[in-house]
Amino acid sequence: MERRHFLGEFEETVLLVVATQQGKAYGLSITNVIEEELGRSVNMSSVHTALYRLEEKGYVKSDLGGASEKRGGRRKRIFEVTSAGKSALLEAKEHRQYLWSKIPDYVFGGGQS
């Protein structure tokens, strides 16, 4: 049986940001992209919750990065998209594209109502 991947809207957003950061994603960097580039208010704990949920599903994996003086010697947990995560993103993209293609032109085109 084919495995189906399901993502919540916020999980999909976080997973997309992790994918864009190509192995350099961590809680603050993801939070900053969501707030500054997507204009969406979000707190770091919700991002971390989503990341750990995605990790439980096997869509991301994480490792601790090196300690830095800038962070007071603390290490960052770096997240990376797995092959299952890539499949989940592609499936979500296909579902969205399919649904958008089914919307009649008049809905957004200003034609018939």
C-alpha atoms as a PDB file:
ATOM      1  CA  MET A   1       0.000   0.000   0.000  1.00  0.00           C
ATOM      2  CA  GLU A   2       1.272   3.439  -0.925  1.00  0.00           C
ATOM      3  CA  ARG A   3       2.159   5.641   2.022  1.00  0.00           C
ATOM      4  CA  ARG A   4       0.279   8.924   2.134  1.00  0.00           C
ATOM      5  CA  HIS A   5       1.864  12.031   3.568  1.00  0.00           C
ATOM      6  CA  PHE A   6      -0.251  14.578   5.355  1.00  0.00           C
ATOM      7  CA  LEU A   7       0.943  17.936   6.558  1.00  0.00           C
ATOM      8  CA  GLY A   8      -0.870  20.611   8.500  1.00  0.00           C
ATOM      9  CA  GLU A   9      -0.629  24.118   7.036  1.00  0.00           C
ATOM     10  CA  PHE A  10       1.906  25.317   9.622  1.00  0.00           C
ATOM     11  CA  GLU A  11       3.905  22.088   9.362  1.00  0.00           C
ATOM     12  CA  GLU A  12       4.082  22.581   5.595  1.00  0.00           C
ATOM     13  CA  THR A  13       5.303  26.162   6.041  1.00  0.00           C
ATOM     14  CA  VAL A  14       8.010  25.112   8.518  1.00  0.00           C
ATOM     15  CA  LEU A  15       9.067  22.192   6.316  1.00  0.00           C
ATOM     16  CA  LEU A  16       9.302  24.469   3.269  1.00  0.00           C
ATOM     17  CA  VAL A  17      11.499  26.909   5.199  1.00  0.00           C
ATOM     18  CA  VAL A  18      13.745  24.045   6.356  1.00  0.00           C
ATOM     19  CA  ALA A  19      14.063  22.968   2.698  1.00  0.00           C
ATOM     20  CA  THR A  20      14.990  26.490   1.582  1.00  0.00           C
ATOM     21  CA  GLN A  21      17.750  26.725   4.183  1.00  0.00           C
ATOM     22  CA  GLN A  22      19.469  23.555   2.910  1.00  0.00           C
ATOM     23  CA  GLY A  23      20.939  22.029   6.060  1.00  0.00           C
ATOM     24  CA  LYS A  24      21.354  25.327   7.942  1.00  0.00           C
ATOM     25  CA  ALA A  25      17.859  25.581   9.454  1.00  0.00           C
ATOM     26  CA  TYR A  26      17.400  26.072  13.190  1.00  0.00           C
ATOM     27  CA  GLY A  27      14.599  27.451  15.342  1.00  0.00           C
ATOM     28  CA  LEU A  28      15.493  31.148  15.164  1.00  0.00           C
ATOM     29  CA  SER A  29      16.354  31.130  11.459  1.00  0.00           C
ATOM     30  CA  ILE A  30      13.018  29.487  10.632  1.00  0.00           C
ATOM     31  CA  THR A  31      11.105  31.873  12.895  1.00  0.00           C
ATOM     32  CA  ASN A  32      12.795  34.872  11.249  1.00  0.00           C
ATOM     33  CA  VAL A  33      11.860  33.742   7.728  1.00  0.00           C
ATOM     34  CA  ILE A  34       8.232  33.164   8.698  1.00  0.00           C
ATOM     35  CA  GLU A  35       7.984  36.567  10.374  1.00  0.00           C
ATOM     36  CA  GLU A  36      10.115  38.729   8.094  1.00  0.00           C
ATOM     37  CA  GLU A  37       9.606  37.169   4.671  1.00  0.00           C
ATOM     38  CA  LEU A  38       6.096  35.756   5.038  1.00  0.00           C
ATOM     39  CA  GLY A  39       4.773  38.522   7.306  1.00  0.00           C
ATOM     40  CA  ARG A  40       3.291  36.078   9.776  1.00  0.00           C
ATOM     41  CA  SER A  41       3.595  36.507  13.518  1.00  0.00           C
ATOM     42  CA  VAL A  42       4.878  33.333  15.138  1.00  0.00           C
ATOM     43  CA  ASN A  43       6.705  32.436  18.324  1.00  0.00           C
ATOM     44  CA  MET A  44       9.726  30.185  18.531  1.00  0.00           C
ATOM     45  CA  SER A  45       8.021  27.584  20.719  1.00  0.00           C
ATOM     46  CA  SER A  46       5.403  26.913  18.032  1.00  0.00           C
ATOM     47  CA  VAL A  47       8.186  26.509  15.476  1.00  0.00           C
ATOM     48  CA  HIS A  48      10.008  24.078  17.770  1.00  0.00           C
ATOM     49  CA  THR A  49       6.796  22.133  18.386  1.00  0.00           C
ATOM     50  CA  ALA A  50       6.262  21.827  14.631  1.00  0.00           C
ATOM     51  CA  LEU A  51       9.892  20.770  14.104  1.00  0.00           C
ATOM     52  CA  TYR A  52       9.710  18.019  16.706  1.00  0.00           C
ATOM     53  CA  ARG A  53       6.381  16.829  15.292  1.00  0.00           C
ATOM     54  CA  LEU A  54       7.933  16.741  11.808  1.00  0.00           C
ATOM     55  CA  GLU A  55      10.890  14.824  13.209  1.00  0.00           C
ATOM     56  CA  GLU A  56       8.566  12.261  14.819  1.00  0.00           C
ATOM     57  CA  LYS A  57       6.890  11.792  11.428  1.00  0.00           C
ATOM     58  CA  GLY A  58      10.305  11.308   9.815  1.00  0.00           C
ATOM     59  CA  TYR A  59      10.057  14.423   7.635  1.00  0.00           C
ATOM     60  CA  VAL A  60      13.112  16.136   9.138  1.00  0.00           C
ATOM     61  CA  LYS A  61      16.197  14.962  10.944  1.00  0.00           C
ATOM     62  CA  SER A  62      18.338  16.987  13.307  1.00  0.00           C
ATOM     63  CA  ASP A  63      21.843  17.155  14.689  1.00  0.00           C
ATOM     64  CA  LEU A  64      23.517  19.468  17.146  1.00  0.00           C
ATOM     65  CA  GLY A  65      25.813  22.012  15.522  1.00  0.00           C
ATOM     66  CA  GLY A  66      28.977  23.382  17.039  1.00  0.00           C
ATOM     67  CA  ALA A  67      28.994  25.665  20.089  1.00  0.00           C
ATOM     68  CA  SER A  68      29.719  29.323  19.562  1.00  0.00           C
ATOM     69  CA  GLU A  69      30.680  32.217  21.824  1.00  0.00           C
ATOM     70  CA  LYS A  70      27.887  34.257  20.252  1.00  0.00           C
ATOM     71  CA  ARG A  71      25.376  31.807  21.747  1.00  0.00           C
ATOM     72  CA  GLY A  72      27.134  31.618  25.099  1.00  0.00           C
ATOM     73  CA  GLY A  73      28.621  28.224  24.283  1.00  0.00           C
ATOM     74  CA  ARG A  74      25.244  26.687  23.472  1.00  0.00           C
ATOM     75  CA  ARG A  75      24.832  24.500  20.420  1.00  0.00           C
ATOM     76  CA  LYS A  76      22.152  24.903  17.753  1.00  0.00           C
ATOM     77  CA  ARG A  77      19.947  22.018  16.713  1.00  0.00           C
ATOM     78  CA  ILE A  78      20.164  22.005  12.919  1.00  0.00           C
ATOM     79  CA  PHE A  79      17.269  20.530  10.900  1.00  0.00           C
ATOM     80  CA  GLU A  80      17.325  19.001   7.446  1.00  0.00           C
ATOM     81  CA  VAL A  81      14.533  17.634   5.255  1.00  0.00           C
ATOM     82  CA  THR A  82      14.517  13.838   4.788  1.00  0.00           C
ATOM     83  CA  SER A  83      13.418  11.964   1.668  1.00  0.00           C
ATOM     84  CA  ALA A  84      10.034  11.331   3.363  1.00  0.00           C
ATOM     85  CA  GLY A  85       9.778  15.083   3.992  1.00  0.00           C
ATOM     86  CA  LYS A  86      10.522  15.813   0.337  1.00  0.00           C
ATOM     87  CA  SER A  87       7.803  13.346  -0.684  1.00  0.00           C
ATOM     88  CA  ALA A  88       5.353  15.002   1.717  1.00  0.00           C
ATOM     89  CA  LEU A  89       6.108  18.448   0.271  1.00  0.00           C
ATOM     90  CA  LEU A  90       5.755  17.240  -3.322  1.00  0.00           C
ATOM     91  CA  GLU A  91       2.453  15.556  -2.504  1.00  0.00           C
ATOM     92  CA  ALA A  92       1.126  18.703  -0.802  1.00  0.00           C
ATOM     93  CA  LYS A  93       2.196  20.770  -3.824  1.00  0.00           C
ATOM     94  CA  GLU A  94       0.445  18.385  -6.236  1.00  0.00           C
ATOM     95  CA  HIS A  95      -2.761  18.471  -4.178  1.00  0.00           C
ATOM     96  CA  ARG A  96      -2.772  22.264  -4.130  1.00  0.00           C
ATOM     97  CA  GLN A  97      -2.061  22.530  -7.859  1.00  0.00           C
ATOM     98  CA  TYR A  98      -4.821  20.016  -8.632  1.00  0.00           C
ATOM     99  CA  LEU A  99      -7.369  21.920  -6.551  1.00  0.00           C
ATOM    100  CA  TRP A 100      -6.344  25.290  -8.026  1.00  0.00           C
ATOM    101  CA  SER A 101      -6.763  23.834 -11.526  1.00  0.00           C
ATOM    102  CA  LYS A 102     -10.347  22.821 -10.661  1.00  0.00           C
ATOM    103  CA  ILE A 103     -11.475  26.327  -9.698  1.00  0.00           C
ATOM    104  CA  PRO A 104     -13.625  27.758 -12.502  1.00  0.00           C
ATOM    105  CA  ASP A 105     -12.176  30.899 -14.155  1.00  0.00           C
ATOM    106  CA  TYR A 106     -15.108  33.052 -13.097  1.00  0.00           C
ATOM    107  CA  VAL A 107     -14.280  32.564  -9.412  1.00  0.00           C
ATOM    108  CA  PHE A 108     -11.204  34.795  -9.643  1.00  0.00           C
ATOM    109  CA  GLY A 109     -11.408  36.026 -13.240  1.00  0.00           C
ATOM    110  CA  GLY A 110     -14.321  38.417 -12.886  1.00  0.00           C
ATOM    111  CA  GLY A 111     -16.411  36.586 -15.538  1.00  0.00           C
ATOM    112  CA  GLN A 112     -19.695  34.928 -14.743  1.00  0.00           C
ATOM    113  CA  SER A 113     -20.895  34.984 -11.197  1.00  0.00           C
END
